[in-house]
Amino acid sequence: MYFDISCGHQTGNSHFFVRCNGGDMFPILISKLHRKIHKAKTKIWLMCILTCTVALVVSYFILQKILFSQKLENSNDIPKSPLIRKNSEVSERILCYVPLVREKLRVAKVIKETWGSNCDELVFYGDTDNSELNIKNINVTEKYELLWGKTKAILVHLHNNYANGFDWFIKADDDTFVILENLRQFVYKLKPSEKDLPLWFGFKMKHQKMKNGYMSGGAGYVMNEKALSKFALFVEKHKDKDFVQYEPSKMERPEGCKTTTNEGIEDLELGRCFHSLGIGDIPTHDHLGRHRFLPISLLAMMSGNVDSGHWIWSQSWHPIKLGLGKGIARLISDFVGIKCIE
């Protein structure tokens, strides 16, 4: 069937072409096919994108199930209680405190809007007061060499203002990420005999001059109200002395506790004080030796990309394992805290 453009009526029996005034022929069908192919390609691309997206999402959840929800050899490692969230009837009250090396409003806001929202109370300690972000200025000199002095002042302030309302206190740096639900699960499963004593825990580290080790500040450490109160009251009582030996036997408690000297490494000095005061600690790794607190990045632990000369090999109290599923406890049900930036 032909169409004569000049007169607009049928002149043939083929529907594939058009006859123009000059008799030239133009392939209408090919033009239509081009349009249809273009539309078909667009639909195919959209379907591919949608299919790939769905496949990635499904694969992600399958991988999560395989890696973190698999049955472990020891049934004691599988949580026997439901996920414990903030304000749950069985949840113990946890206060999170974050020392800011210098005022970092942006970082404080991010913490408050992310993991900090799961704390029963979130307190920042900086060089200026800020009621919106709950930043407290405790009037100490902001200097790395004086972090021990700042740590003492923070713990005394926590004891004087918050001790009666909370069961546990977790310290986290501004580059630490904490999964509070897992911490609640961990303390929920502690024995009453453990909770009734002054106690702290975290990523335990060695030191050549310390008998009992200490908890890494980078991974975050946790203490109960009894440990906080015992330390704060001791510091307040002996603040006129530069170095106090709490126990009479130096062989039993050789470290002592610096109560007025502000120089020193925060986590190391706190470990010395806690040991001198008889504050005990408990292991936090699971039965496979995987850690719940990490002072180095998650990527380094999972990839195994940790240099043989790294300090963690010689200073970790418990053996370190690297690789996916080997070095860290299950993220969903067990893992608590990690340093995000090295």
C-alpha atoms as a PDB file:
ATOM      1  CA  MET A   1       0.000   0.000   0.000  1.00  0.00           C
ATOM      2  CA  TYR A   2       1.430   3.357  -1.097  1.00  0.00           C
ATOM      3  CA  PHE A   3       0.463   6.863  -0.002  1.00  0.00           C
ATOM      4  CA  ASP A   4       0.844   9.810  -2.310  1.00  0.00           C
ATOM      5  CA  ILE A   5       1.948  12.699  -0.149  1.00  0.00           C
ATOM      6  CA  SER A   6       0.788  15.308  -2.640  1.00  0.00           C
ATOM      7  CA  CYS A   7      -2.787  14.044  -2.903  1.00  0.00           C
ATOM      8  CA  GLY A   8      -3.042  12.060   0.352  1.00  0.00           C
ATOM      9  CA  HIS A   9      -4.746   8.907  -1.050  1.00  0.00           C
ATOM     10  CA  GLN A  10      -3.788   5.261  -1.555  1.00  0.00           C
ATOM     11  CA  THR A  11      -1.900   4.457  -4.721  1.00  0.00           C
ATOM     12  CA  GLY A  12      -0.438   0.977  -4.146  1.00  0.00           C
ATOM     13  CA  ASN A  13      -0.710  -2.226  -2.210  1.00  0.00           C
ATOM     14  CA  SER A  14       2.420  -2.141   0.016  1.00  0.00           C
ATOM     15  CA  HIS A  15       2.442  -0.636   3.481  1.00  0.00           C
ATOM     16  CA  PHE A  16       6.238  -0.383   3.696  1.00  0.00           C
ATOM     17  CA  PHE A  17       6.898   2.837   1.802  1.00  0.00           C
ATOM     18  CA  VAL A  18       5.601   6.327   1.057  1.00  0.00           C
ATOM     19  CA  ARG A  19       5.534   7.821  -2.426  1.00  0.00           C
ATOM     20  CA  CYS A  20       6.448  11.531  -2.439  1.00  0.00           C
ATOM     21  CA  ASN A  21       5.868  14.110  -5.129  1.00  0.00           C
ATOM     22  CA  GLY A  22       9.166  13.367  -6.737  1.00  0.00           C
ATOM     23  CA  GLY A  23       8.619   9.639  -6.471  1.00  0.00           C
ATOM     24  CA  ASP A  24      11.271   9.175  -3.711  1.00  0.00           C
ATOM     25  CA  MET A  25      10.689   6.291  -1.274  1.00  0.00           C
ATOM     26  CA  PHE A  26      11.263   6.560   2.587  1.00  0.00           C
ATOM     27  CA  PRO A  27      11.230   3.509   4.868  1.00  0.00           C
ATOM     28  CA  ILE A  28       8.572   4.280   7.491  1.00  0.00           C
ATOM     29  CA  LEU A  29       8.828   0.841   8.985  1.00  0.00           C
ATOM     30  CA  ILE A  30      12.535   1.256   9.747  1.00  0.00           C
ATOM     31  CA  SER A  31      11.838   4.569  11.487  1.00  0.00           C
ATOM     32  CA  LYS A  32       9.136   2.940  13.575  1.00  0.00           C
ATOM     33  CA  LEU A  33      11.414   0.033  14.354  1.00  0.00           C
ATOM     34  CA  HIS A  34      14.126   2.437  15.530  1.00  0.00           C
ATOM     35  CA  ARG A  35      11.691   4.060  17.938  1.00  0.00           C
ATOM     36  CA  LYS A  36      10.477   0.706  19.204  1.00  0.00           C
ATOM     37  CA  ILE A  37      14.024  -0.564  19.647  1.00  0.00           C
ATOM     38  CA  HIS A  38      14.967   2.585  21.575  1.00  0.00           C
ATOM     39  CA  LYS A  39      11.992   2.133  23.893  1.00  0.00           C
ATOM     40  CA  ALA A  40      12.780  -1.546  24.267  1.00  0.00           C
ATOM     41  CA  LYS A  41      16.404  -0.786  25.162  1.00  0.00           C
ATOM     42  CA  THR A  42      15.274   1.719  27.787  1.00  0.00           C
ATOM     43  CA  LYS A  43      12.948  -0.848  29.326  1.00  0.00           C
ATOM     44  CA  ILE A  44      15.673  -3.477  29.256  1.00  0.00           C
ATOM     45  CA  TRP A  45      18.120  -1.153  31.044  1.00  0.00           C
ATOM     46  CA  LEU A  46      15.542  -0.284  33.663  1.00  0.00           C
ATOM     47  CA  MET A  47      14.774  -3.968  34.194  1.00  0.00           C
ATOM     48  CA  CYS A  48      18.496  -4.732  34.481  1.00  0.00           C
ATOM     49  CA  ILE A  49      19.027  -1.999  37.050  1.00  0.00           C
ATOM     50  CA  LEU A  50      16.006  -3.139  39.044  1.00  0.00           C
ATOM     51  CA  THR A  51      17.055  -6.793  38.854  1.00  0.00           C
ATOM     52  CA  CYS A  52      20.630  -5.993  39.918  1.00  0.00           C
ATOM     53  CA  THR A  53      19.396  -3.877  42.815  1.00  0.00           C
ATOM     54  CA  VAL A  54      17.098  -6.633  44.049  1.00  0.00           C
ATOM     55  CA  ALA A  55      19.878  -9.205  43.624  1.00  0.00           C
ATOM     56  CA  LEU A  56      22.319  -7.080  45.626  1.00  0.00           C
ATOM     57  CA  VAL A  57      19.820  -6.549  48.436  1.00  0.00           C
ATOM     58  CA  VAL A  58      18.943 -10.249  48.582  1.00  0.00           C
ATOM     59  CA  SER A  59      22.632 -11.213  48.450  1.00  0.00           C
ATOM     60  CA  TYR A  60      23.409  -8.807  51.288  1.00  0.00           C
ATOM     61  CA  PHE A  61      20.832 -10.332  53.604  1.00  0.00           C
ATOM     62  CA  ILE A  62      21.879 -13.854  52.658  1.00  0.00           C
ATOM     63  CA  LEU A  63      25.497 -12.967  53.415  1.00  0.00           C
ATOM     64  CA  GLN A  64      24.489 -11.451  56.747  1.00  0.00           C
ATOM     65  CA  LYS A  65      22.618 -14.597  57.634  1.00  0.00           C
ATOM     66  CA  ILE A  66      25.528 -16.819  56.669  1.00  0.00           C
ATOM     67  CA  LEU A  67      28.181 -14.765  58.453  1.00  0.00           C
ATOM     68  CA  PHE A  68      26.424 -13.639  61.572  1.00  0.00           C
ATOM     69  CA  SER A  69      23.414 -15.879  62.164  1.00  0.00           C
ATOM     70  CA  GLN A  70      25.067 -19.228  61.624  1.00  0.00           C
ATOM     71  CA  LYS A  71      25.009 -21.737  64.445  1.00  0.00           C
ATOM     72  CA  LEU A  72      28.271 -21.718  66.362  1.00  0.00           C
ATOM     73  CA  GLU A  73      29.971 -24.729  67.861  1.00  0.00           C
ATOM     74  CA  ASN A  74      29.334 -23.601  71.406  1.00  0.00           C
ATOM     75  CA  SER A  75      25.658 -23.020  72.134  1.00  0.00           C
ATOM     76  CA  ASN A  76      26.597 -20.703  75.026  1.00  0.00           C
ATOM     77  CA  ASP A  77      27.706 -18.145  72.458  1.00  0.00           C
ATOM     78  CA  ILE A  78      24.197 -17.886  71.005  1.00  0.00           C
ATOM     79  CA  PRO A  79      22.108 -15.213  72.772  1.00  0.00           C
ATOM     80  CA  LYS A  80      19.390 -16.846  74.835  1.00  0.00           C
ATOM     81  CA  SER A  81      17.458 -13.634  75.360  1.00  0.00           C
ATOM     82  CA  PRO A  82      15.793 -11.259  72.887  1.00  0.00           C
ATOM     83  CA  LEU A  83      17.454  -8.094  71.664  1.00  0.00           C
ATOM     84  CA  ILE A  84      17.580  -5.666  74.570  1.00  0.00           C
ATOM     85  CA  ARG A  85      16.872  -2.096  73.604  1.00  0.00           C
ATOM     86  CA  LYS A  86      16.854   1.211  75.391  1.00  0.00           C
ATOM     87  CA  ASN A  87      14.020   1.542  77.957  1.00  0.00           C
ATOM     88  CA  SER A  88      13.416  -2.216  77.944  1.00  0.00           C
ATOM     89  CA  GLU A  89      12.168  -3.626  81.262  1.00  0.00           C
ATOM     90  CA  VAL A  90      15.265  -5.825  81.623  1.00  0.00           C
ATOM     91  CA  SER A  91      17.728  -3.229  80.338  1.00  0.00           C
ATOM     92  CA  GLU A  92      20.218  -1.710  82.749  1.00  0.00           C
ATOM     93  CA  ARG A  93      20.741   2.020  82.435  1.00  0.00           C
ATOM     94  CA  ILE A  94      23.862   2.997  80.484  1.00  0.00           C
ATOM     95  CA  LEU A  95      25.486   6.433  80.343  1.00  0.00           C
ATOM     96  CA  CYS A  96      27.836   7.138  77.436  1.00  0.00           C
ATOM     97  CA  TYR A  97      30.480   9.822  77.831  1.00  0.00           C
ATOM     98  CA  VAL A  98      32.706  11.192  75.079  1.00  0.00           C
ATOM     99  CA  PRO A  99      35.736  13.406  75.805  1.00  0.00           C
ATOM    100  CA  LEU A 100      36.273  15.902  73.000  1.00  0.00           C
ATOM    101  CA  VAL A 101      39.950  16.703  72.440  1.00  0.00           C
ATOM    102  CA  ARG A 102      38.809  20.122  71.308  1.00  0.00           C
ATOM    103  CA  GLU A 103      35.288  21.331  70.735  1.00  0.00           C
ATOM    104  CA  LYS A 104      33.875  19.423  67.777  1.00  0.00           C
ATOM    105  CA  LEU A 105      30.241  20.406  67.440  1.00  0.00           C
ATOM    106  CA  ARG A 106      29.851  18.634  64.113  1.00  0.00           C
ATOM    107  CA  VAL A 107      31.246  15.363  65.485  1.00  0.00           C
ATOM    108  CA  ALA A 108      29.119  15.641  68.612  1.00  0.00           C
ATOM    109  CA  LYS A 109      25.995  16.119  66.490  1.00  0.00           C
ATOM    110  CA  VAL A 110      26.808  13.050  64.393  1.00  0.00           C
ATOM    111  CA  ILE A 111      27.337  10.898  67.484  1.00  0.00           C
ATOM    112  CA  LYS A 112      24.112  12.156  69.042  1.00  0.00           C
ATOM    113  CA  GLU A 113      22.139  11.361  65.881  1.00  0.00           C
ATOM    114  CA  THR A 114      23.681   7.890  65.373  1.00  0.00           C
ATOM    115  CA  TRP A 115      24.882   5.454  68.008  1.00  0.00           C
ATOM    116  CA  GLY A 116      24.592   8.003  70.818  1.00  0.00           C
ATOM    117  CA  SER A 117      20.810   8.034  70.461  1.00  0.00           C
ATOM    118  CA  ASN A 118      20.735   4.530  71.971  1.00  0.00           C
ATOM    119  CA  CYS A 119      22.378   5.643  75.225  1.00  0.00           C
ATOM    120  CA  ASP A 120      20.163   6.301  78.238  1.00  0.00           C
ATOM    121  CA  GLU A 121      22.235   9.463  78.661  1.00  0.00           C
ATOM    122  CA  LEU A 122      24.913  10.939  76.406  1.00  0.00           C
ATOM    123  CA  VAL A 123      27.421  13.413  77.863  1.00  0.00           C
ATOM    124  CA  PHE A 124      30.238  15.187  76.037  1.00  0.00           C
ATOM    125  CA  TYR A 125      33.172  16.830  77.787  1.00  0.00           C
ATOM    126  CA  GLY A 126      34.713  19.783  75.950  1.00  0.00           C
ATOM    127  CA  ASP A 127      36.137  23.242  76.483  1.00  0.00           C
ATOM    128  CA  THR A 128      32.770  25.086  76.394  1.00  0.00           C
ATOM    129  CA  ASP A 129      29.288  24.338  77.687  1.00  0.00           C
ATOM    130  CA  ASN A 130      26.553  23.493  75.192  1.00  0.00           C
ATOM    131  CA  SER A 131      23.129  22.578  76.567  1.00  0.00           C
ATOM    132  CA  GLU A 132      21.728  21.415  73.218  1.00  0.00           C
ATOM    133  CA  LEU A 133      24.424  18.747  72.809  1.00  0.00           C
ATOM    134  CA  ASN A 134      24.964  18.245  76.555  1.00  0.00           C
ATOM    135  CA  ILE A 135      28.621  19.307  76.409  1.00  0.00           C
ATOM    136  CA  LYS A 136      30.121  19.955  79.825  1.00  0.00           C
ATOM    137  CA  ASN A 137      33.101  22.194  80.436  1.00  0.00           C
ATOM    138  CA  ILE A 138      34.992  20.917  83.476  1.00  0.00           C
ATOM    139  CA  ASN A 139      37.718  23.579  83.263  1.00  0.00           C
ATOM    140  CA  VAL A 140      40.768  21.461  82.500  1.00  0.00           C
ATOM    141  CA  THR A 141      43.671  22.212  80.201  1.00  0.00           C
ATOM    142  CA  GLU A 142      43.070  20.661  76.781  1.00  0.00           C
ATOM    143  CA  LYS A 143      46.382  18.987  76.041  1.00  0.00           C
ATOM    144  CA  TYR A 144      47.227  15.428  75.045  1.00  0.00           C
ATOM    145  CA  GLU A 145      49.915  15.185  77.703  1.00  0.00           C
ATOM    146  CA  LEU A 146      47.315  16.093  80.341  1.00  0.00           C
ATOM    147  CA  LEU A 147      44.594  13.608  79.358  1.00  0.00           C
ATOM    148  CA  TRP A 148      45.005  11.798  82.661  1.00  0.00           C
ATOM    149  CA  GLY A 149      44.016  14.947  84.535  1.00  0.00           C
ATOM    150  CA  LYS A 150      40.984  15.363  82.266  1.00  0.00           C
ATOM    151  CA  THR A 151      40.008  11.722  82.782  1.00  0.00           C
ATOM    152  CA  LYS A 152      40.055  12.092  86.562  1.00  0.00           C
ATOM    153  CA  ALA A 153      37.989  15.273  86.394  1.00  0.00           C
ATOM    154  CA  ILE A 154      35.438  13.600  84.099  1.00  0.00           C
ATOM    155  CA  LEU A 155      34.998  10.567  86.346  1.00  0.00           C
ATOM    156  CA  VAL A 156      34.610  12.722  89.448  1.00  0.00           C
ATOM    157  CA  HIS A 157      32.027  14.864  87.621  1.00  0.00           C
ATOM    158  CA  LEU A 158      30.137  11.740  86.505  1.00  0.00           C
ATOM    159  CA  HIS A 159      30.107  10.397  90.045  1.00  0.00           C
ATOM    160  CA  ASN A 160      28.886  13.663  91.544  1.00  0.00           C
ATOM    161  CA  ASN A 161      26.143  14.224  88.978  1.00  0.00           C
ATOM    162  CA  TYR A 162      25.074  10.890  87.472  1.00  0.00           C
ATOM    163  CA  ALA A 163      26.196   7.917  89.584  1.00  0.00           C
ATOM    164  CA  ASN A 164      22.879   7.286  91.295  1.00  0.00           C
ATOM    165  CA  GLY A 165      20.880   7.110  88.071  1.00  0.00           C
ATOM    166  CA  PHE A 166      22.934   4.655  86.006  1.00  0.00           C
ATOM    167  CA  ASP A 167      24.305   1.123  86.255  1.00  0.00           C
ATOM    168  CA  TRP A 168      27.062   1.300  83.616  1.00  0.00           C
ATOM    169  CA  PHE A 169      29.304   4.002  82.150  1.00  0.00           C
ATOM    170  CA  ILE A 170      30.979   3.567  78.772  1.00  0.00           C
ATOM    171  CA  LYS A 171      33.779   5.833  77.621  1.00  0.00           C
ATOM    172  CA  ALA A 172      34.136   6.353  73.870  1.00  0.00           C
ATOM    173  CA  ASP A 173      36.395   8.669  71.876  1.00  0.00           C
ATOM    174  CA  ASP A 174      34.888  10.904  69.218  1.00  0.00           C
ATOM    175  CA  ASP A 175      36.113   8.443  66.549  1.00  0.00           C
ATOM    176  CA  THR A 176      34.667   5.340  68.227  1.00  0.00           C
ATOM    177  CA  PHE A 177      31.439   3.607  67.158  1.00  0.00           C
ATOM    178  CA  VAL A 178      29.427   1.689  69.758  1.00  0.00           C
ATOM    179  CA  ILE A 179      26.567  -0.799  69.316  1.00  0.00           C
ATOM    180  CA  LEU A 180      24.624  -0.210  72.519  1.00  0.00           C
ATOM    181  CA  GLU A 181      22.168  -3.071  71.996  1.00  0.00           C
ATOM    182  CA  ASN A 182      25.048  -5.536  72.108  1.00  0.00           C
ATOM    183  CA  LEU A 183      26.480  -3.933  75.230  1.00  0.00           C
ATOM    184  CA  ARG A 184      23.103  -4.266  76.926  1.00  0.00           C
ATOM    185  CA  GLN A 185      23.039  -7.923  75.918  1.00  0.00           C
ATOM    186  CA  PHE A 186      26.535  -8.461  77.276  1.00  0.00           C
ATOM    187  CA  VAL A 187      25.914  -6.923  80.707  1.00  0.00           C
ATOM    188  CA  TYR A 188      22.503  -8.621  80.908  1.00  0.00           C
ATOM    189  CA  LYS A 189      24.212 -12.028  80.732  1.00  0.00           C
ATOM    190  CA  LEU A 190      26.778 -11.233  83.437  1.00  0.00           C
ATOM    191  CA  LYS A 191      26.442 -13.154  86.673  1.00  0.00           C
ATOM    192  CA  PRO A 192      24.996 -11.289  89.687  1.00  0.00           C
ATOM    193  CA  SER A 193      28.222 -12.075  91.564  1.00  0.00           C
ATOM    194  CA  GLU A 194      30.157 -10.155  88.877  1.00  0.00           C
ATOM    195  CA  LYS A 195      27.815  -7.168  88.861  1.00  0.00           C
ATOM    196  CA  ASP A 196      27.928  -6.836  92.648  1.00  0.00           C
ATOM    197  CA  LEU A 197      31.656  -6.053  92.582  1.00  0.00           C
ATOM    198  CA  PRO A 198      33.516  -3.001  91.217  1.00  0.00           C
ATOM    199  CA  LEU A 199      34.112  -4.022  87.605  1.00  0.00           C
ATOM    200  CA  TRP A 200      35.351  -2.747  84.265  1.00  0.00           C
ATOM    201  CA  PHE A 201      36.022  -4.280  80.862  1.00  0.00           C
ATOM    202  CA  GLY A 202      36.991  -3.554  77.262  1.00  0.00           C
ATOM    203  CA  PHE A 203      39.945  -4.472  75.041  1.00  0.00           C
ATOM    204  CA  LYS A 204      42.606  -5.572  77.511  1.00  0.00           C
ATOM    205  CA  MET A 205      46.224  -4.654  76.831  1.00  0.00           C
ATOM    206  CA  LYS A 206      49.628  -5.515  78.266  1.00  0.00           C
ATOM    207  CA  HIS A 207      52.285  -3.207  79.654  1.00  0.00           C
ATOM    208  CA  GLN A 208      55.754  -4.185  80.798  1.00  0.00           C
ATOM    209  CA  LYS A 209      55.412  -2.247  84.069  1.00  0.00           C
ATOM    210  CA  MET A 210      51.859  -3.364  84.844  1.00  0.00           C
ATOM    211  CA  LYS A 211      51.009  -6.676  86.422  1.00  0.00           C
ATOM    212  CA  ASN A 212      47.357  -6.815  85.493  1.00  0.00           C
ATOM    213  CA  GLY A 213      47.103  -4.845  82.246  1.00  0.00           C
ATOM    214  CA  TYR A 214      44.595  -2.137  81.337  1.00  0.00           C
ATOM    215  CA  MET A 215      41.737  -1.394  78.925  1.00  0.00           C
ATOM    216  CA  SER A 216      42.399   0.380  75.629  1.00  0.00           C
ATOM    217  CA  GLY A 217      40.836   3.821  75.466  1.00  0.00           C
ATOM    218  CA  GLY A 218      40.531   3.722  71.677  1.00  0.00           C
ATOM    219  CA  ALA A 219      38.076   0.824  71.630  1.00  0.00           C
ATOM    220  CA  GLY A 220      36.056   2.234  74.511  1.00  0.00           C
ATOM    221  CA  TYR A 221      35.859   0.760  78.013  1.00  0.00           C
ATOM    222  CA  VAL A 222      32.975   0.149  80.409  1.00  0.00           C
ATOM    223  CA  MET A 223      32.758   0.385  84.193  1.00  0.00           C
ATOM    224  CA  ASN A 224      29.899  -0.200  86.573  1.00  0.00           C
ATOM    225  CA  GLU A 225      28.670   2.327  89.103  1.00  0.00           C
ATOM    226  CA  LYS A 226      30.596   0.643  91.910  1.00  0.00           C
ATOM    227  CA  ALA A 227      33.916   1.019  90.096  1.00  0.00           C
ATOM    228  CA  LEU A 228      33.189   4.654  89.214  1.00  0.00           C
ATOM    229  CA  SER A 229      32.259   5.530  92.790  1.00  0.00           C
ATOM    230  CA  LYS A 230      35.229   3.741  94.320  1.00  0.00           C
ATOM    231  CA  PHE A 231      37.650   5.581  92.051  1.00  0.00           C
ATOM    232  CA  ALA A 232      36.040   9.027  92.336  1.00  0.00           C
ATOM    233  CA  LEU A 233      35.787   8.904  96.129  1.00  0.00           C
ATOM    234  CA  PHE A 234      39.403   7.796  96.384  1.00  0.00           C
ATOM    235  CA  VAL A 235      40.615  10.623  94.154  1.00  0.00           C
ATOM    236  CA  GLU A 236      38.609  13.184  96.121  1.00  0.00           C
ATOM    237  CA  LYS A 237      39.893  11.856  99.438  1.00  0.00           C
ATOM    238  CA  HIS A 238      43.550  11.870  98.396  1.00  0.00           C
ATOM    239  CA  LYS A 239      43.685  14.865  96.089  1.00  0.00           C
ATOM    240  CA  ASP A 240      46.339  16.500  98.248  1.00  0.00           C
ATOM    241  CA  LYS A 241      48.808  13.682  97.557  1.00  0.00           C
ATOM    242  CA  ASP A 242      50.612  13.230  94.267  1.00  0.00           C
ATOM    243  CA  PHE A 243      50.973   9.453  94.403  1.00  0.00           C
ATOM    244  CA  VAL A 244      48.984   7.183  96.706  1.00  0.00           C
ATOM    245  CA  GLN A 245      49.570   3.511  97.407  1.00  0.00           C
ATOM    246  CA  TYR A 246      46.160   2.157  98.303  1.00  0.00           C
ATOM    247  CA  GLU A 247      47.249  -1.331  99.378  1.00  0.00           C
ATOM    248  CA  PRO A 248      49.966  -1.657 102.041  1.00  0.00           C
ATOM    249  CA  SER A 249      51.677  -4.468 100.141  1.00  0.00           C
ATOM    250  CA  LYS A 250      53.589  -3.043  97.191  1.00  0.00           C
ATOM    251  CA  MET A 251      54.138  -6.543  95.856  1.00  0.00           C
ATOM    252  CA  GLU A 252      50.391  -7.093  95.635  1.00  0.00           C
ATOM    253  CA  ARG A 253      49.484  -3.711  94.133  1.00  0.00           C
ATOM    254  CA  PRO A 254      52.720  -2.311  92.660  1.00  0.00           C
ATOM    255  CA  GLU A 255      51.193   0.340  90.416  1.00  0.00           C
ATOM    256  CA  GLY A 256      49.592   2.765  92.832  1.00  0.00           C
ATOM    257  CA  CYS A 257      47.343   5.641  91.737  1.00  0.00           C
ATOM    258  CA  LYS A 258      48.245   9.183  90.742  1.00  0.00           C
ATOM    259  CA  THR A 259      45.586  11.372  92.325  1.00  0.00           C
ATOM    260  CA  THR A 260      46.829  14.902  91.627  1.00  0.00           C
ATOM    261  CA  THR A 261      49.439  14.592  88.881  1.00  0.00           C
ATOM    262  CA  ASN A 262      47.744  15.308  85.550  1.00  0.00           C
ATOM    263  CA  GLU A 263      50.479  14.096  83.230  1.00  0.00           C
ATOM    264  CA  GLY A 264      50.101  10.607  81.889  1.00  0.00           C
ATOM    265  CA  ILE A 265      48.420   8.360  79.338  1.00  0.00           C
ATOM    266  CA  GLU A 266      44.726   8.194  80.133  1.00  0.00           C
ATOM    267  CA  ASP A 267      43.929   4.483  79.769  1.00  0.00           C
ATOM    268  CA  LEU A 268      47.264   3.325  81.200  1.00  0.00           C
ATOM    269  CA  GLU A 269      46.961   5.450  84.339  1.00  0.00           C
ATOM    270  CA  LEU A 270      43.345   4.452  84.838  1.00  0.00           C
ATOM    271  CA  GLY A 271      44.377   0.805  84.658  1.00  0.00           C
ATOM    272  CA  ARG A 272      47.006   1.410  87.338  1.00  0.00           C
ATOM    273  CA  CYS A 273      44.483   3.114  89.607  1.00  0.00           C
ATOM    274  CA  PHE A 274      41.790   0.495  89.136  1.00  0.00           C
ATOM    275  CA  HIS A 275      44.226  -2.317  89.833  1.00  0.00           C
ATOM    276  CA  SER A 276      45.499  -0.518  92.943  1.00  0.00           C
ATOM    277  CA  LEU A 277      41.922  -0.095  94.148  1.00  0.00           C
ATOM    278  CA  GLY A 278      41.135  -3.765  93.623  1.00  0.00           C
ATOM    279  CA  ILE A 279      38.689  -3.101  90.757  1.00  0.00           C
ATOM    280  CA  GLY A 280      38.466  -6.293  88.748  1.00  0.00           C
ATOM    281  CA  ASP A 281      37.955  -6.939  85.060  1.00  0.00           C
ATOM    282  CA  ILE A 282      36.412  -9.675  82.935  1.00  0.00           C
ATOM    283  CA  PRO A 283      37.309 -10.954  79.448  1.00  0.00           C
ATOM    284  CA  THR A 284      35.129  -9.728  76.599  1.00  0.00           C
ATOM    285  CA  HIS A 285      36.169 -12.060  73.757  1.00  0.00           C
ATOM    286  CA  ASP A 286      33.928 -14.996  72.844  1.00  0.00           C
ATOM    287  CA  HIS A 287      34.762 -18.706  73.096  1.00  0.00           C
ATOM    288  CA  LEU A 288      36.405 -18.614  69.660  1.00  0.00           C
ATOM    289  CA  GLY A 289      38.757 -15.844  70.754  1.00  0.00           C
ATOM    290  CA  ARG A 290      36.973 -13.149  68.740  1.00  0.00           C
ATOM    291  CA  HIS A 291      36.974  -9.681  70.254  1.00  0.00           C
ATOM    292  CA  ARG A 292      33.984  -7.485  71.105  1.00  0.00           C
ATOM    293  CA  PHE A 293      36.088  -4.322  71.496  1.00  0.00           C
ATOM    294  CA  LEU A 294      38.744  -3.259  68.959  1.00  0.00           C
ATOM    295  CA  PRO A 295      41.261  -0.397  69.118  1.00  0.00           C
ATOM    296  CA  ILE A 296      41.976  -0.610  65.370  1.00  0.00           C
ATOM    297  CA  SER A 297      39.731  -0.264  62.334  1.00  0.00           C
ATOM    298  CA  LEU A 298      37.175  -2.895  61.374  1.00  0.00           C
ATOM    299  CA  LEU A 299      38.536  -2.946  57.828  1.00  0.00           C
ATOM    300  CA  ALA A 300      42.020  -3.826  59.063  1.00  0.00           C
ATOM    301  CA  MET A 301      40.727  -6.678  61.213  1.00  0.00           C
ATOM    302  CA  MET A 302      38.475  -8.139  58.509  1.00  0.00           C
ATOM    303  CA  SER A 303      40.968  -7.790  55.663  1.00  0.00           C
ATOM    304  CA  GLY A 304      43.935  -8.964  57.700  1.00  0.00           C
ATOM    305  CA  ASN A 305      45.922  -5.954  56.538  1.00  0.00           C
ATOM    306  CA  VAL A 306      47.791  -5.301  59.790  1.00  0.00           C
ATOM    307  CA  ASP A 307      51.558  -4.876  59.616  1.00  0.00           C
ATOM    308  CA  SER A 308      53.630  -7.427  61.501  1.00  0.00           C
ATOM    309  CA  GLY A 309      55.249  -4.595  63.451  1.00  0.00           C
ATOM    310  CA  HIS A 310      51.936  -3.130  64.615  1.00  0.00           C
ATOM    311  CA  TRP A 311      51.717  -2.584  68.369  1.00  0.00           C
ATOM    312  CA  ILE A 312      48.532  -4.649  68.667  1.00  0.00           C
ATOM    313  CA  TRP A 313      50.445  -7.917  68.218  1.00  0.00           C
ATOM    314  CA  SER A 314      52.650  -7.368  71.261  1.00  0.00           C
ATOM    315  CA  GLN A 315      50.297  -5.374  73.475  1.00  0.00           C
ATOM    316  CA  SER A 316      47.017  -7.265  73.187  1.00  0.00           C
ATOM    317  CA  TRP A 317      46.381  -9.261  76.366  1.00  0.00           C
ATOM    318  CA  HIS A 318      44.537 -11.961  74.429  1.00  0.00           C
ATOM    319  CA  PRO A 319      45.646 -13.433  71.067  1.00  0.00           C
ATOM    320  CA  ILE A 320      44.615 -11.530  67.944  1.00  0.00           C
ATOM    321  CA  LYS A 321      43.140 -13.252  64.910  1.00  0.00           C
ATOM    322  CA  LEU A 322      42.671 -11.583  61.553  1.00  0.00           C
ATOM    323  CA  GLY A 323      40.265 -12.193  58.710  1.00  0.00           C
ATOM    324  CA  LEU A 324      36.529 -12.160  58.080  1.00  0.00           C
ATOM    325  CA  GLY A 325      34.707 -13.993  60.873  1.00  0.00           C
ATOM    326  CA  LYS A 326      37.946 -14.742  62.771  1.00  0.00           C
ATOM    327  CA  GLY A 327      39.077 -11.656  64.635  1.00  0.00           C
ATOM    328  CA  ILE A 328      35.836 -10.011  65.735  1.00  0.00           C
ATOM    329  CA  ALA A 329      32.659 -11.248  67.366  1.00  0.00           C
ATOM    330  CA  ARG A 330      29.432 -11.322  65.375  1.00  0.00           C
ATOM    331  CA  LEU A 331      28.430  -7.750  64.520  1.00  0.00           C
ATOM    332  CA  ILE A 332      24.697  -8.254  64.966  1.00  0.00           C
ATOM    333  CA  SER A 333      24.582 -10.045  68.306  1.00  0.00           C
ATOM    334  CA  ASP A 334      27.927  -9.586  70.081  1.00  0.00           C
ATOM    335  CA  PHE A 335      30.213  -6.830  68.827  1.00  0.00           C
ATOM    336  CA  VAL A 336      30.257  -3.689  70.997  1.00  0.00           C
ATOM    337  CA  GLY A 337      32.826  -1.013  70.138  1.00  0.00           C
ATOM    338  CA  ILE A 338      35.488  -0.158  67.595  1.00  0.00           C
ATOM    339  CA  LYS A 339      37.809   2.703  66.742  1.00  0.00           C
ATOM    340  CA  CYS A 340      36.690   4.035  63.353  1.00  0.00           C
ATOM    341  CA  ILE A 341      39.797   6.020  62.375  1.00  0.00           C
ATOM    342  CA  GLU A 342      43.409   5.092  63.021  1.00  0.00           C
END
